[in-house]
Protein backbone atom coordinates (compact mmCIF):
# COMPACT_ATOMS: atom_id res chain seq x y z
CA UNK A 1 50.99 69.40 -20.67
CA UNK A 2 47.91 67.61 -21.57
CA UNK A 3 47.42 63.96 -20.72
CA UNK A 4 45.98 61.73 -23.32
CA UNK A 5 43.39 59.22 -22.36
CA UNK A 6 43.33 55.97 -24.11
CA UNK A 7 39.84 54.76 -24.93
CA UNK A 8 39.33 51.29 -26.14
CA UNK A 9 37.10 51.05 -29.14
CA UNK A 10 36.12 47.52 -28.18
CA UNK A 11 33.09 47.06 -25.96
CA UNK A 12 31.35 43.83 -24.83
CA UNK A 13 32.49 40.43 -23.60
CA UNK A 14 35.41 38.36 -24.66
CA UNK A 15 34.92 34.89 -26.06
CA UNK A 16 36.21 33.32 -22.84
CA UNK A 17 33.69 35.28 -20.77
CA UNK A 18 30.82 34.18 -23.02
CA UNK A 19 31.90 30.53 -22.92
CA UNK A 20 32.35 30.63 -19.16
CA UNK A 21 28.89 32.12 -18.63
CA UNK A 22 27.35 29.46 -20.94
CA UNK A 23 29.03 26.67 -18.99
CA UNK A 24 27.82 28.10 -15.67
CA UNK A 25 24.29 28.53 -17.05
CA UNK A 26 24.32 24.93 -18.30
CA UNK A 27 25.47 23.56 -14.94
CA UNK A 28 22.82 25.52 -13.05
CA UNK A 29 20.09 24.50 -15.52
CA UNK A 30 21.10 20.83 -15.34
CA UNK A 31 21.09 20.91 -11.53
CA UNK A 32 17.65 22.51 -11.42
CA UNK A 33 16.21 20.04 -13.96
CA UNK A 34 17.58 17.04 -12.00
CA UNK A 35 16.06 18.39 -8.78
CA UNK A 36 12.71 18.90 -10.49
CA UNK A 37 12.81 15.40 -12.02
CA UNK A 38 13.58 13.82 -8.64
CA UNK A 39 10.75 15.82 -7.06
CA UNK A 40 8.25 14.68 -9.70
CA UNK A 41 9.31 11.03 -9.34
CA UNK A 42 9.03 11.28 -5.56
CA UNK A 43 5.54 12.78 -5.83
CA UNK A 44 4.46 10.02 -8.24
CA UNK A 45 5.81 7.33 -5.91
CA UNK A 46 4.09 8.88 -2.89
CA UNK A 47 0.80 9.10 -4.78
CA UNK A 48 1.11 5.45 -5.87
CA UNK A 49 1.84 4.26 -2.32
CA UNK A 50 -1.09 6.29 -1.02
CA UNK A 51 -3.45 4.73 -3.56
CA UNK A 52 -2.25 1.19 -2.82
CA UNK A 53 -2.58 1.74 0.92
CA UNK A 54 -6.05 3.28 0.49
CA UNK A 55 -7.17 0.24 -1.54
CA UNK A 56 -5.77 -2.09 1.12
CA UNK A 57 -7.50 -0.22 3.94
CA UNK A 58 -10.79 -0.24 2.06
CA UNK A 59 -10.45 -3.99 1.50
CA UNK A 60 -9.63 -4.53 5.17
CA UNK A 61 -12.70 -2.52 6.18
CA UNK A 62 -14.91 -4.59 3.89
CA UNK A 63 -13.47 -7.80 5.34
CA UNK A 64 -14.12 -6.54 8.89
CA UNK A 65 -17.65 -5.48 7.99
CA UNK A 66 -18.49 -8.89 6.55
CA UNK A 67 -16.79 -10.88 9.32
CA UNK A 68 -18.65 -8.88 11.97
CA UNK A 69 -21.91 -10.02 10.37
CA UNK A 70 -20.96 -13.71 10.40
CA UNK A 71 -22.05 -16.33 12.89
CA UNK A 72 -20.02 -19.45 13.53
CA UNK A 73 -22.66 -21.41 11.61
CA UNK A 74 -21.97 -19.27 8.50
CA UNK A 75 -18.33 -20.42 8.30
CA UNK A 76 -17.75 -23.38 5.98
CA UNK A 77 -13.95 -23.52 5.90
CA UNK A 78 -10.92 -22.05 7.61
CA UNK A 79 -7.27 -22.02 6.56
CA UNK A 80 -4.30 -19.76 7.18
CA UNK A 81 -4.82 -17.98 3.84
CA UNK A 82 -8.56 -18.47 3.28
CA UNK A 83 -11.88 -18.00 5.05
CA UNK A 84 -14.92 -19.61 3.39
CA UNK A 85 -18.39 -18.55 4.51
CA UNK A 86 -21.98 -17.84 3.55
CA UNK A 87 -22.57 -14.10 3.45
CA UNK A 88 -25.65 -12.16 4.59
CA UNK A 89 -27.22 -12.65 1.14
CA UNK A 90 -26.93 -16.45 1.54
CA UNK A 91 -24.18 -16.64 -1.09
CA UNK A 92 -21.23 -18.97 -0.50
CA UNK A 93 -18.00 -17.04 -0.91
CA UNK A 94 -14.56 -16.60 0.61
CA UNK A 95 -11.69 -14.27 1.32
CA UNK A 96 -8.44 -15.74 0.04
CA UNK A 97 -4.89 -14.92 -0.92
CA UNK A 98 -4.07 -16.32 -4.36
CA UNK A 99 -1.72 -15.79 -7.28
CA UNK A 100 -3.36 -15.54 -10.71
CA UNK A 101 -1.30 -14.83 -13.84
CA UNK A 102 1.70 -13.93 -11.71
CA UNK A 103 -0.21 -11.34 -9.64
CA UNK A 104 -0.83 -11.99 -5.97
CA UNK A 105 -4.13 -10.55 -4.84
CA UNK A 106 -6.75 -10.79 -2.14
CA UNK A 107 -9.99 -12.15 -3.53
CA UNK A 108 -13.57 -12.17 -2.34
CA UNK A 109 -15.08 -14.98 -4.32
CA UNK A 110 -14.28 -14.23 -7.96
CA UNK A 111 -13.80 -10.50 -7.37
CA UNK A 112 -10.50 -8.78 -6.62
CA UNK A 113 -10.76 -7.20 -3.18
CA UNK A 114 -7.18 -5.93 -2.79
CA UNK A 115 -5.20 -5.83 -6.05
CA UNK A 116 -1.69 -5.77 -4.59
CA UNK A 117 -0.62 -7.90 -1.66
CA UNK A 118 2.27 -10.17 -0.77
CA UNK A 119 0.66 -12.03 2.14
CA UNK A 120 -2.62 -12.61 3.94
CA UNK A 121 -2.77 -14.71 7.10
CA UNK A 122 -5.89 -15.57 9.08
CA UNK A 123 -5.77 -16.56 12.75
CA UNK A 124 -8.87 -18.11 14.30
CA UNK A 125 -9.46 -17.72 18.05
CA UNK A 126 -11.86 -19.50 20.39
CA UNK A 127 -13.82 -18.02 23.29
CA UNK A 128 -10.76 -18.04 25.55
CA UNK A 129 -8.54 -16.26 23.04
CA UNK A 130 -6.61 -19.39 22.06
CA UNK A 131 -5.87 -20.37 18.47
CA UNK A 132 -8.30 -22.97 17.14
CA UNK A 133 -8.63 -25.06 13.99
CA UNK A 134 -12.22 -26.12 14.75
CA UNK A 135 -14.87 -24.12 12.88
CA UNK A 136 -17.45 -24.52 15.66
CA UNK A 137 -15.06 -22.98 18.21
CA UNK A 138 -14.20 -19.83 16.24
CA UNK A 139 -15.32 -16.66 18.05
CA UNK A 140 -12.83 -14.11 16.73
CA UNK A 141 -10.87 -13.83 13.49
CA UNK A 142 -7.62 -11.89 13.10
CA UNK A 143 -5.93 -11.23 9.79
CA UNK A 144 -2.59 -9.77 8.76
CA UNK A 145 -2.09 -8.24 5.33
CA UNK A 146 1.24 -7.29 3.75
CA UNK A 147 1.35 -4.68 0.98
CA UNK A 148 4.50 -4.21 -1.16
CA UNK A 149 6.28 -0.91 -1.70
CA UNK A 150 8.31 0.02 -4.77
CA UNK A 151 11.43 0.60 -2.68
CA UNK A 152 11.50 -3.10 -1.73
CA UNK A 153 9.89 -2.67 1.67
CA UNK A 154 6.39 -3.54 2.77
CA UNK A 155 3.53 -2.27 4.91
CA UNK A 156 1.80 -4.62 7.35
CA UNK A 157 -1.85 -4.08 8.21
CA UNK A 158 -3.62 -6.00 10.97
CA UNK A 159 -7.25 -6.25 11.93
CA UNK A 160 -9.57 -8.45 13.93
CA UNK A 161 -13.30 -8.94 14.39
CA UNK A 162 -15.57 -10.91 16.64
CA UNK A 163 -18.24 -12.99 15.00
CA UNK A 164 -21.78 -11.69 15.46
CA UNK A 165 -22.99 -12.26 19.01
CA UNK A 166 -19.63 -13.69 20.16
CA UNK A 167 -16.96 -12.36 22.50
CA UNK A 168 -14.23 -13.70 24.70
CA UNK A 169 -15.27 -15.66 27.79
CA UNK A 170 -13.03 -13.43 29.91
CA UNK A 171 -15.17 -10.40 28.96
CA UNK A 172 -18.48 -11.98 30.07
């Protein structure tokens, strides 16, 4: 006896198989696109923070450079958020923390030195390293700068400089 083989004349995928593969493809595509979107946003945020920090560091370096060139006689006013002085070009100017049009910035005279900041605090020290409020006694200036981050945190930068020709009495 001969056995008959049954061959199906239908070839291909069923409708359920096609729909199932489309759903799986959609889920995988959506997952990949979300991961890529998060990666791009993270890269943008990191780049932004890097630029803000670079601007702050550059501003801090400029402040240090100018303060190092000052003598006590060049200082005309001191406050916790402002240092007024006559620069090496004999121009009266200042470093100050101020809010203008809702934006808090660090200014050098009428120019923006650091565009984004939430705090600037100056501390003035005498020859013994003690805090002073007397201009004639200032030998060293310290300043603390706070830079905001988009995640709600902040970065604190600190620097200090001796006035030209001055140093602590304990180092003499």
